[in-house]
Amino acid sequence: MKTTTKTFERVGETMRTATFPNGLCVHIVPKPGFAKKSVAYLVRFGSMHRWVKDAAGKTVELPQGIQHFIEHLLFESGAEDLSRRFLSVNAVVNAYTTTNRTVYYFQTTDDIQAPLGLLTQMVFHPEFGEAAIRKEAAIIESEFKMYEDEVDQSVYLDGLRSLYFAHPIKDEVLGTLDTIRAMNETTIREAYDLGYRKGNIELVIVGDVDADQTLAYLASREEFQDGASSDRLKAVYPEEADRVASPSQRIPKPINIAYASVSGKLPKAMLKSPLDAALLEIKLGFLLESLIGKQSANYHELIEKSLANDSLDFLGSVEPTFGFFRITTETRKIDATVEALKRILAKAASTPISPEQFLASRNRMIGSFYRSFNRIDGVASVFSDYLAKDVDVEALMKAALDITIEDILALSKDLANASLSVLIHHPDGGTATGANRAKMV
């Protein structure tokens, strides 16, 4: 076992990392005096990993949604109710699947050894029987149909599909009804063996724990001893054009007021290393806030002209294989709202950013980031997120503090030239559902 220690001076944290001979990696962030402890297995296997390399270097195509399906199955492995077993040792267990990872975690105020043993058993010793697969398929199908009625979910996913031709960022994490129903033991076992190889899994422990004692306990377990060393899973992504998949689209929904979205796709030339991508995401957030945030003149003008309401929001997301931004609002003046949003983006390069506005935005971002380290779950979330993205938290914060107004203005020129997609979700005359129902006037 090889161990290293890294100090993150800007956030006042220290991380001790141990790499076991079979590739399993453990990160321990000590938080003396804190009652709560958070423990998570981070599996670098998310919904974007549709095409991956096997041990022989051959590209394997996986069904959409299989990562989320495996997450469900791990909770059903064995005859016992795992949630109750965790509660019996004063721990609460949960899991989630995102585009780039699947995470299994528990939180407790007691010693972590007993629930850690349960979590390790759950992750590394699943049972994939056909009866359990059919049961989970029915549960996930119901979950899928429930999300179909969520307007916010539709706006988000339809927006991604309007931007991307082939990149799996556009795919629903749950999969499709066809892929959910077609899951079988052979396909699931193959996907598990690829995604859950030891070198593709990291254990993140945050709290008041004895690092030496914890590592000694893990070293005594067979999961940390067996098997030859394995590498990270290598994903393969389809070729993606810089232009958007659908420049304009209107979709009827059972809602009472339309949603207008204007989205942009960042060109491949802007997508570089993980650190560069994370930094670009921060810059994009700064720029969008200056253009359309609640303190901006554009925001108040849109509200005053009834082109938007308090649902007006923006989002920017960047990773090395994709990058996009989106502005969305409810509106009763669809065409006028779309034109106004497009003008705001077109004039981004000539929209002044005051030093006071820039510093206020930067201070809010940095303050929010630092505050997250006052909570155990905040520390665990930050480190898990950036570990999954291969981003050094210390390097990112240093680079973020060096961002200048000139950097934001340079990015605004790229936004002004970005390939845009306009997406309208409009009422179809049916009954309003989901979040939109609550906003009826």
Protein backbone atom coordinates (compact mmCIF):
# COMPACT_ATOMS: atom_id res chain seq x y z
CA MET A 1 0.00 0.00 0.00
CA LYS A 2 1.36 3.38 -1.05
CA THR A 3 0.32 6.45 0.96
CA THR A 4 0.65 10.18 0.31
CA THR A 5 -0.58 13.29 2.11
CA LYS A 6 -1.72 16.48 0.41
CA THR A 7 -2.56 19.76 2.13
CA PHE A 8 -5.14 22.09 0.60
CA GLU A 9 -4.00 25.35 2.16
CA ARG A 10 -6.74 27.57 0.76
CA VAL A 11 -9.52 25.52 2.33
CA GLY A 12 -7.55 24.32 5.35
CA GLU A 13 -7.95 20.62 4.64
CA THR A 14 -5.55 17.67 4.49
CA MET A 15 -6.18 14.53 2.46
CA ARG A 16 -4.38 11.28 3.10
CA THR A 17 -4.47 8.94 0.10
CA ALA A 18 -3.67 5.22 0.12
CA THR A 19 -3.43 3.16 -3.06
CA PHE A 20 -3.70 -0.60 -2.64
CA PRO A 21 -1.88 -3.11 -4.89
CA ASN A 22 -5.10 -4.08 -6.67
CA GLY A 23 -5.79 -0.47 -7.67
CA LEU A 24 -8.32 0.51 -5.01
CA CYS A 25 -7.74 4.05 -3.80
CA VAL A 26 -8.77 5.47 -0.41
CA HIS A 27 -8.91 9.19 0.46
CA ILE A 28 -9.29 10.23 4.10
CA VAL A 29 -10.05 13.85 5.03
CA PRO A 30 -9.81 14.15 8.83
CA LYS A 31 -12.23 16.56 10.54
CA PRO A 32 -11.37 16.43 14.26
CA GLY A 33 -14.21 17.43 16.56
CA PHE A 34 -17.01 16.90 14.01
CA ALA A 35 -19.70 14.43 15.07
CA LYS A 36 -20.88 13.39 11.63
CA LYS A 37 -18.83 11.14 9.35
CA SER A 38 -19.39 10.61 5.62
CA VAL A 39 -18.13 7.56 3.73
CA ALA A 40 -18.60 7.05 -0.02
CA TYR A 41 -17.50 4.67 -2.73
CA LEU A 42 -16.99 6.76 -5.86
CA VAL A 43 -17.30 4.59 -8.98
CA ARG A 44 -16.13 6.36 -12.13
CA PHE A 45 -18.97 4.87 -14.12
CA GLY A 46 -21.82 7.20 -15.09
CA SER A 47 -24.43 7.52 -17.81
CA MET A 48 -21.92 9.11 -20.22
CA HIS A 49 -19.88 5.90 -20.29
CA ARG A 50 -21.84 4.34 -23.14
CA TRP A 51 -18.80 3.19 -25.13
CA VAL A 52 -15.85 1.85 -23.11
CA LYS A 53 -12.68 -0.16 -23.69
CA ASP A 54 -12.46 -3.69 -22.32
CA ALA A 55 -9.26 -5.36 -21.06
CA ALA A 56 -8.27 -6.27 -24.63
CA GLY A 57 -8.74 -2.70 -25.86
CA LYS A 58 -11.94 -3.48 -27.75
CA THR A 59 -14.74 -0.90 -27.67
CA VAL A 60 -17.88 -2.20 -25.96
CA GLU A 61 -21.24 -0.47 -26.34
CA LEU A 62 -23.38 -0.49 -23.20
CA PRO A 63 -27.16 0.02 -23.02
CA GLN A 64 -28.35 3.46 -22.03
CA GLY A 65 -29.19 3.57 -18.32
CA ILE A 66 -27.28 0.46 -17.27
CA GLN A 67 -25.18 2.35 -14.70
CA HIS A 68 -28.31 3.52 -12.90
CA PHE A 69 -29.81 0.02 -13.17
CA ILE A 70 -26.75 -1.49 -11.49
CA GLU A 71 -27.05 1.07 -8.69
CA HIS A 72 -30.60 -0.13 -8.02
CA LEU A 73 -29.57 -3.77 -8.10
CA LEU A 74 -26.77 -3.33 -5.56
CA PHE A 75 -29.38 -2.28 -3.00
CA GLU A 76 -31.35 -5.43 -3.74
CA SER A 77 -28.45 -7.90 -3.47
CA GLY A 78 -29.18 -10.62 -0.94
CA ALA A 79 -32.29 -11.42 1.04
CA GLU A 80 -31.86 -8.78 3.76
CA ASP A 81 -33.07 -5.20 3.68
CA LEU A 82 -29.79 -3.28 3.43
CA SER A 83 -31.27 0.02 4.59
CA ARG A 84 -32.41 -1.60 7.82
CA ARG A 85 -29.02 -3.22 8.34
CA PHE A 86 -27.37 0.20 8.07
CA LEU A 87 -29.91 1.71 10.46
CA SER A 88 -29.12 -1.07 12.94
CA VAL A 89 -25.55 0.29 13.16
CA ASN A 90 -26.75 3.93 13.30
CA ALA A 91 -25.96 4.77 9.68
CA VAL A 92 -28.08 6.07 6.81
CA VAL A 93 -27.22 4.72 3.36
CA ASN A 94 -28.02 6.06 -0.09
CA ALA A 95 -26.71 6.19 -3.66
CA TYR A 96 -26.99 8.19 -6.85
CA THR A 97 -25.90 8.01 -10.48
CA THR A 98 -24.86 11.04 -12.54
CA THR A 99 -23.33 11.53 -15.96
CA ASN A 100 -19.77 10.77 -14.79
CA ARG A 101 -20.07 8.59 -11.67
CA THR A 102 -22.10 6.36 -9.41
CA VAL A 103 -21.75 6.98 -5.67
CA TYR A 104 -22.72 4.75 -2.74
CA TYR A 105 -22.49 6.46 0.62
CA PHE A 106 -23.54 6.48 4.25
CA GLN A 107 -23.43 8.98 7.07
CA THR A 108 -23.13 8.22 10.76
CA THR A 109 -22.20 9.74 14.11
CA ASP A 110 -20.81 6.43 15.38
CA ASP A 111 -17.73 4.40 14.48
CA ILE A 112 -17.56 3.78 10.73
CA GLN A 113 -16.19 0.22 10.73
CA ALA A 114 -19.50 -1.69 10.85
CA PRO A 115 -21.33 0.35 8.16
CA LEU A 116 -18.13 0.49 6.07
CA GLY A 117 -18.10 -3.29 6.09
CA LEU A 118 -21.73 -3.33 4.92
CA LEU A 119 -21.06 -0.78 2.18
CA THR A 120 -18.02 -2.71 0.97
CA GLN A 121 -20.01 -5.93 0.85
CA MET A 122 -22.75 -4.18 -1.10
CA VAL A 123 -20.44 -2.66 -3.74
CA PHE A 124 -18.16 -5.63 -4.35
CA HIS A 125 -20.44 -8.66 -3.91
CA PRO A 126 -23.67 -8.06 -5.83
CA GLU A 127 -26.16 -10.72 -6.86
CA PHE A 128 -27.72 -10.27 -10.30
CA GLY A 129 -30.59 -12.76 -10.42
CA GLU A 130 -33.28 -12.49 -13.10
CA ALA A 131 -36.04 -12.07 -10.48
CA ALA A 132 -34.28 -9.04 -8.99
CA ILE A 133 -33.64 -7.61 -12.48
CA ARG A 134 -37.31 -7.84 -13.45
CA LYS A 135 -38.36 -6.30 -10.12
CA GLU A 136 -35.99 -3.36 -10.54
CA ALA A 137 -36.97 -2.91 -14.19
CA ALA A 138 -40.57 -2.35 -13.07
CA ILE A 139 -39.48 0.12 -10.37
CA ILE A 140 -37.24 2.10 -12.72
CA GLU A 141 -39.92 2.14 -15.43
CA SER A 142 -42.30 3.76 -12.92
CA GLU A 143 -39.57 6.25 -12.00
CA PHE A 144 -39.04 7.03 -15.69
CA LYS A 145 -42.75 7.69 -16.28
CA MET A 146 -42.91 9.93 -13.22
CA TYR A 147 -40.02 12.08 -14.49
CA GLU A 148 -41.68 12.36 -17.91
CA ASP A 149 -44.24 14.69 -16.32
CA GLU A 150 -41.60 16.92 -14.69
CA VAL A 151 -41.39 20.10 -16.75
CA ASP A 152 -37.96 21.11 -15.45
CA GLN A 153 -36.58 17.69 -16.35
CA SER A 154 -38.06 17.92 -19.85
CA VAL A 155 -36.66 21.41 -20.38
CA TYR A 156 -33.19 20.22 -19.35
CA LEU A 157 -33.07 17.00 -21.38
CA ASP A 158 -34.79 18.39 -24.47
CA GLY A 159 -32.31 21.25 -24.34
CA LEU A 160 -29.36 18.87 -24.39
CA ARG A 161 -30.90 16.89 -27.25
CA SER A 162 -31.31 20.10 -29.21
CA LEU A 163 -27.57 20.76 -28.80
CA TYR A 164 -25.94 17.35 -29.22
CA PHE A 165 -26.09 14.88 -32.10
CA ALA A 166 -24.35 11.92 -30.51
CA HIS A 167 -22.61 12.78 -27.23
CA PRO A 168 -24.19 10.73 -24.40
CA ILE A 169 -24.56 13.85 -22.23
CA LYS A 170 -27.94 14.12 -23.98
CA ASP A 171 -29.10 10.71 -22.71
CA GLU A 172 -31.45 10.22 -19.77
CA VAL A 173 -29.56 8.73 -16.79
CA LEU A 174 -32.41 6.24 -16.27
CA GLY A 175 -32.21 5.03 -19.88
CA THR A 176 -35.24 4.54 -22.13
CA LEU A 177 -38.26 2.34 -21.63
CA ASP A 178 -36.84 -0.07 -24.22
CA THR A 179 -33.39 -0.32 -22.60
CA ILE A 180 -34.89 -0.65 -19.11
CA ARG A 181 -37.13 -3.51 -20.21
CA ALA A 182 -34.32 -5.25 -22.11
CA MET A 183 -31.86 -5.47 -19.20
CA ASN A 184 -30.61 -9.00 -18.55
CA GLU A 185 -28.14 -10.76 -16.29
CA THR A 186 -25.46 -11.24 -18.96
CA THR A 187 -25.36 -7.58 -20.03
CA ILE A 188 -25.46 -6.33 -16.45
CA ARG A 189 -22.63 -8.61 -15.34
CA GLU A 190 -20.49 -7.50 -18.28
CA ALA A 191 -21.10 -3.83 -17.49
CA TYR A 192 -20.43 -4.36 -13.78
CA ASP A 193 -17.13 -6.13 -14.48
CA LEU A 194 -16.04 -3.25 -16.72
CA GLY A 195 -17.18 -0.32 -14.57
CA TYR A 196 -16.52 -1.76 -11.11
CA ARG A 197 -12.92 -2.86 -11.67
CA LYS A 198 -10.83 -2.02 -8.60
CA GLY A 199 -8.78 0.69 -10.35
CA ASN A 200 -11.98 2.52 -11.25
CA ILE A 201 -13.24 2.87 -7.65
CA GLU A 202 -12.20 5.30 -4.91
CA LEU A 203 -13.29 5.39 -1.29
CA VAL A 204 -13.72 8.86 0.24
CA ILE A 205 -13.92 9.15 4.04
CA VAL A 206 -14.54 12.50 5.73
CA GLY A 207 -14.84 12.99 9.48
CA ASP A 208 -13.23 12.46 12.85
CA VAL A 209 -11.68 9.06 12.12
CA ASP A 210 -8.39 7.37 12.95
CA ALA A 211 -6.73 7.11 9.53
CA ASP A 212 -4.21 4.43 10.52
CA GLN A 213 -6.85 2.26 12.14
CA THR A 214 -9.19 2.67 9.17
CA LEU A 215 -6.51 1.76 6.62
CA ALA A 216 -5.48 -1.25 8.70
CA TYR A 217 -9.08 -2.45 8.76
CA LEU A 218 -9.42 -2.05 5.00
CA ALA A 219 -6.10 -3.81 4.38
CA SER A 220 -7.44 -6.81 6.30
CA ARG A 221 -10.42 -7.19 3.97
CA GLU A 222 -10.27 -9.45 0.94
CA GLU A 223 -11.69 -6.76 -1.36
CA PHE A 224 -8.53 -4.70 -0.85
CA GLN A 225 -6.20 -7.68 -1.26
CA ASP A 226 -7.50 -9.78 -4.12
CA GLY A 227 -7.06 -9.37 -7.85
CA ALA A 228 -4.36 -7.99 -10.08
CA SER A 229 -3.97 -4.24 -10.37
CA SER A 230 -6.46 -2.72 -12.83
CA ASP A 231 -6.56 0.62 -14.61
CA ARG A 232 -9.24 3.22 -14.87
CA LEU A 233 -12.10 2.62 -17.26
CA LYS A 234 -11.46 4.35 -20.59
CA ALA A 235 -14.51 5.88 -22.23
CA VAL A 236 -14.85 6.44 -25.97
CA TYR A 237 -16.99 9.32 -27.24
CA PRO A 238 -18.56 9.65 -30.69
CA GLU A 239 -17.48 12.47 -32.97
CA GLU A 240 -19.55 15.59 -32.31
CA ALA A 241 -19.96 18.59 -34.61
CA ASP A 242 -19.66 22.14 -33.29
CA ARG A 243 -23.05 23.11 -34.73
CA VAL A 244 -26.21 22.40 -32.73
CA ALA A 245 -28.41 19.42 -33.51
CA SER A 246 -31.61 21.45 -33.69
CA PRO A 247 -31.49 25.27 -34.11
CA SER A 248 -35.21 25.67 -33.36
CA GLN A 249 -37.86 23.42 -31.93
CA ARG A 250 -41.32 23.70 -30.36
CA ILE A 251 -42.64 20.92 -28.12
CA PRO A 252 -46.20 20.77 -26.72
CA LYS A 253 -46.49 19.95 -23.01
CA PRO A 254 -49.41 19.80 -20.56
CA ILE A 255 -48.53 23.16 -19.01
CA ASN A 256 -50.26 26.53 -18.69
CA ILE A 257 -47.42 28.88 -19.51
CA ALA A 258 -44.64 28.39 -22.04
CA TYR A 259 -40.96 27.84 -21.31
CA ALA A 260 -38.48 29.56 -23.61
CA SER A 261 -34.90 28.32 -23.65
CA VAL A 262 -31.92 29.65 -25.56
CA SER A 263 -28.91 27.34 -25.35
CA GLY A 264 -25.40 27.47 -26.74
CA LYS A 265 -22.85 24.77 -27.51
CA LEU A 266 -19.18 25.46 -26.82
CA PRO A 267 -16.89 24.48 -29.71
CA LYS A 268 -14.45 21.61 -29.26
CA ALA A 269 -11.49 23.99 -29.47
CA MET A 270 -12.50 25.42 -26.08
CA LEU A 271 -12.56 22.00 -24.35
CA LYS A 272 -9.15 21.04 -23.00
CA SER A 273 -7.84 19.51 -19.77
CA PRO A 274 -10.04 18.72 -16.72
CA LEU A 275 -8.63 21.73 -14.85
CA ASP A 276 -9.15 24.01 -17.84
CA ALA A 277 -12.73 22.75 -18.20
CA ALA A 278 -13.51 23.35 -14.50
CA LEU A 279 -12.03 26.84 -14.71
CA LEU A 280 -13.99 27.59 -17.88
CA GLU A 281 -17.17 26.51 -16.10
CA ILE A 282 -16.46 29.07 -13.36
CA LYS A 283 -15.79 31.80 -15.93
CA LEU A 284 -18.99 30.89 -17.75
CA GLY A 285 -20.91 31.21 -14.48
CA PHE A 286 -19.41 34.66 -13.90
CA LEU A 287 -20.33 35.79 -17.40
CA LEU A 288 -23.90 34.48 -17.33
CA GLU A 289 -24.48 36.08 -13.95
CA SER A 290 -23.23 39.43 -15.26
CA LEU A 291 -25.51 39.14 -18.31
CA ILE A 292 -28.69 37.70 -16.82
CA GLY A 293 -28.22 37.40 -13.04
CA LYS A 294 -30.65 39.09 -10.65
CA GLN A 295 -28.32 42.05 -10.18
CA SER A 296 -28.03 42.72 -13.92
CA ALA A 297 -29.83 45.39 -15.93
CA ASN A 298 -30.93 42.75 -18.44
CA TYR A 299 -32.73 40.76 -15.75
CA HIS A 300 -34.73 43.75 -14.54
CA GLU A 301 -35.56 44.87 -18.08
CA LEU A 302 -36.91 41.42 -18.99
CA ILE A 303 -39.04 41.37 -15.84
CA GLU A 304 -40.34 44.93 -16.35
CA LYS A 305 -41.34 44.17 -19.96
CA SER A 306 -43.09 40.96 -18.83
CA LEU A 307 -40.77 38.92 -21.06
CA ALA A 308 -39.75 36.79 -18.08
CA ASN A 309 -40.73 36.10 -14.50
CA ASP A 310 -38.87 34.95 -11.41
CA SER A 311 -38.27 31.56 -13.05
CA LEU A 312 -35.60 33.23 -15.23
CA ASP A 313 -32.45 31.18 -14.72
CA PHE A 314 -29.18 30.18 -16.36
CA LEU A 315 -26.86 27.20 -16.36
CA GLY A 316 -23.34 26.56 -17.64
CA SER A 317 -21.65 23.16 -17.62
CA VAL A 318 -18.21 22.25 -18.96
CA GLU A 319 -16.15 19.07 -18.99
CA PRO A 320 -13.33 18.01 -21.34
CA THR A 321 -15.76 16.29 -23.74
CA PHE A 322 -18.68 18.77 -23.73
CA GLY A 323 -19.64 22.32 -22.84
CA PHE A 324 -22.90 24.24 -23.00
CA PHE A 325 -24.92 27.07 -21.48
CA ARG A 326 -28.63 27.70 -21.25
CA ILE A 327 -30.98 30.56 -20.33
CA THR A 328 -34.58 29.61 -19.52
CA THR A 329 -37.72 31.38 -18.39
CA GLU A 330 -41.45 31.05 -18.36
CA THR A 331 -43.12 33.54 -20.67
CA ARG A 332 -46.41 34.50 -22.27
CA LYS A 333 -44.58 36.46 -25.00
CA ILE A 334 -42.60 33.65 -26.58
CA ASP A 335 -41.18 35.29 -29.71
CA ALA A 336 -40.36 38.59 -28.02
CA THR A 337 -38.64 36.78 -25.15
CA VAL A 338 -36.53 34.64 -27.48
CA GLU A 339 -35.42 37.66 -29.49
CA ALA A 340 -34.53 39.54 -26.30
CA LEU A 341 -32.42 36.64 -24.99
CA LYS A 342 -30.63 36.29 -28.34
CA ARG A 343 -29.87 40.03 -28.36
CA ILE A 344 -28.40 39.79 -24.86
CA LEU A 345 -26.03 37.03 -25.99
CA ALA A 346 -25.16 38.77 -29.26
CA LYS A 347 -24.22 41.93 -27.35
CA ALA A 348 -22.35 40.08 -24.62
CA ALA A 349 -18.95 41.28 -25.85
CA SER A 350 -20.02 44.92 -25.67
CA THR A 351 -21.86 44.67 -22.35
CA PRO A 352 -19.70 46.35 -19.71
CA ILE A 353 -18.84 44.56 -16.50
CA SER A 354 -18.07 46.88 -13.62
CA PRO A 355 -15.19 45.97 -11.29
CA GLU A 356 -17.64 46.11 -8.38
CA GLN A 357 -20.03 43.70 -10.08
CA PHE A 358 -17.20 41.32 -10.96
CA LEU A 359 -15.74 41.32 -7.45
CA ALA A 360 -19.17 40.80 -5.91
CA SER A 361 -19.79 37.77 -8.15
CA ARG A 362 -16.35 36.35 -7.43
CA ASN A 363 -16.71 36.86 -3.69
CA ARG A 364 -20.12 35.16 -3.68
CA MET A 365 -18.71 32.16 -5.54
CA ILE A 366 -15.64 31.85 -3.36
CA GLY A 367 -17.64 32.43 -0.18
CA SER A 368 -20.12 29.72 -1.13
CA PHE A 369 -17.26 27.34 -1.91
CA TYR A 370 -15.50 27.97 1.40
CA ARG A 371 -18.73 27.67 3.39
CA SER A 372 -19.22 24.16 2.04
CA PHE A 373 -16.14 23.11 4.03
CA ASN A 374 -17.97 23.91 7.27
CA ARG A 375 -20.11 20.80 6.77
CA ILE A 376 -19.03 17.18 6.54
CA ASP A 377 -21.38 16.50 3.62
CA GLY A 378 -20.10 19.65 1.90
CA VAL A 379 -16.48 18.51 2.13
CA ALA A 380 -17.42 15.04 0.89
CA SER A 381 -19.42 16.48 -2.01
CA VAL A 382 -16.68 18.85 -3.18
CA PHE A 383 -13.91 16.25 -3.08
CA SER A 384 -16.07 13.54 -4.68
CA ASP A 385 -17.13 15.89 -7.48
CA TYR A 386 -13.63 17.05 -8.34
CA LEU A 387 -12.05 13.63 -7.86
CA ALA A 388 -14.51 12.29 -10.45
CA LYS A 389 -13.42 15.07 -12.80
CA ASP A 390 -9.68 14.62 -12.09
CA VAL A 391 -9.45 18.22 -10.87
CA ASP A 392 -7.14 19.34 -8.06
CA VAL A 393 -9.23 21.51 -5.72
CA GLU A 394 -6.22 23.59 -4.62
CA ALA A 395 -5.11 24.27 -8.21
CA LEU A 396 -8.65 25.18 -9.24
CA MET A 397 -9.12 27.69 -6.43
CA LYS A 398 -5.75 29.30 -7.17
CA ALA A 399 -6.68 29.64 -10.84
CA ALA A 400 -10.17 30.92 -9.99
CA LEU A 401 -8.72 33.68 -7.81
CA ASP A 402 -6.61 34.80 -10.77
CA ILE A 403 -9.61 35.27 -13.10
CA THR A 404 -9.85 38.85 -14.37
CA ILE A 405 -12.54 40.96 -16.02
CA GLU A 406 -10.52 40.68 -19.22
CA ASP A 407 -10.90 36.88 -19.07
CA ILE A 408 -14.67 37.23 -18.81
CA LEU A 409 -14.84 39.74 -21.66
CA ALA A 410 -12.77 37.40 -23.86
CA LEU A 411 -15.22 34.58 -23.11
CA SER A 412 -18.15 36.87 -23.95
CA LYS A 413 -16.90 37.06 -27.55
CA ASP A 414 -17.06 33.27 -27.76
CA LEU A 415 -20.62 33.31 -26.43
CA ALA A 416 -21.62 35.93 -28.98
CA ASN A 417 -20.41 33.58 -31.75
CA ALA A 418 -21.72 30.35 -30.25
CA SER A 419 -24.06 28.08 -32.17
CA LEU A 420 -27.50 28.58 -30.56
CA SER A 421 -30.58 26.44 -30.17
CA VAL A 422 -34.03 27.86 -29.36
CA LEU A 423 -36.40 25.47 -27.62
CA ILE A 424 -40.01 26.26 -26.75
CA HIS A 425 -42.18 24.11 -24.50
CA HIS A 426 -45.68 25.43 -25.04
CA PRO A 427 -49.12 24.57 -23.62
CA ASP A 428 -50.93 21.81 -25.50
CA GLY A 429 -54.33 22.51 -24.00
CA GLY A 430 -54.09 19.67 -21.47
CA THR A 431 -53.99 19.77 -17.70
CA ALA A 432 -50.99 21.48 -16.13
CA THR A 433 -48.61 19.14 -14.30
CA GLY A 434 -45.46 19.26 -12.20
CA ALA A 435 -43.73 22.47 -11.20
CA ASN A 436 -45.58 24.55 -13.78
CA ARG A 437 -48.93 23.93 -12.09
CA ALA A 438 -47.74 25.72 -8.96
CA LYS A 439 -46.87 28.84 -10.98
CA MET A 440 -50.25 29.27 -12.66
CA VAL A 441 -51.65 32.78 -12.44
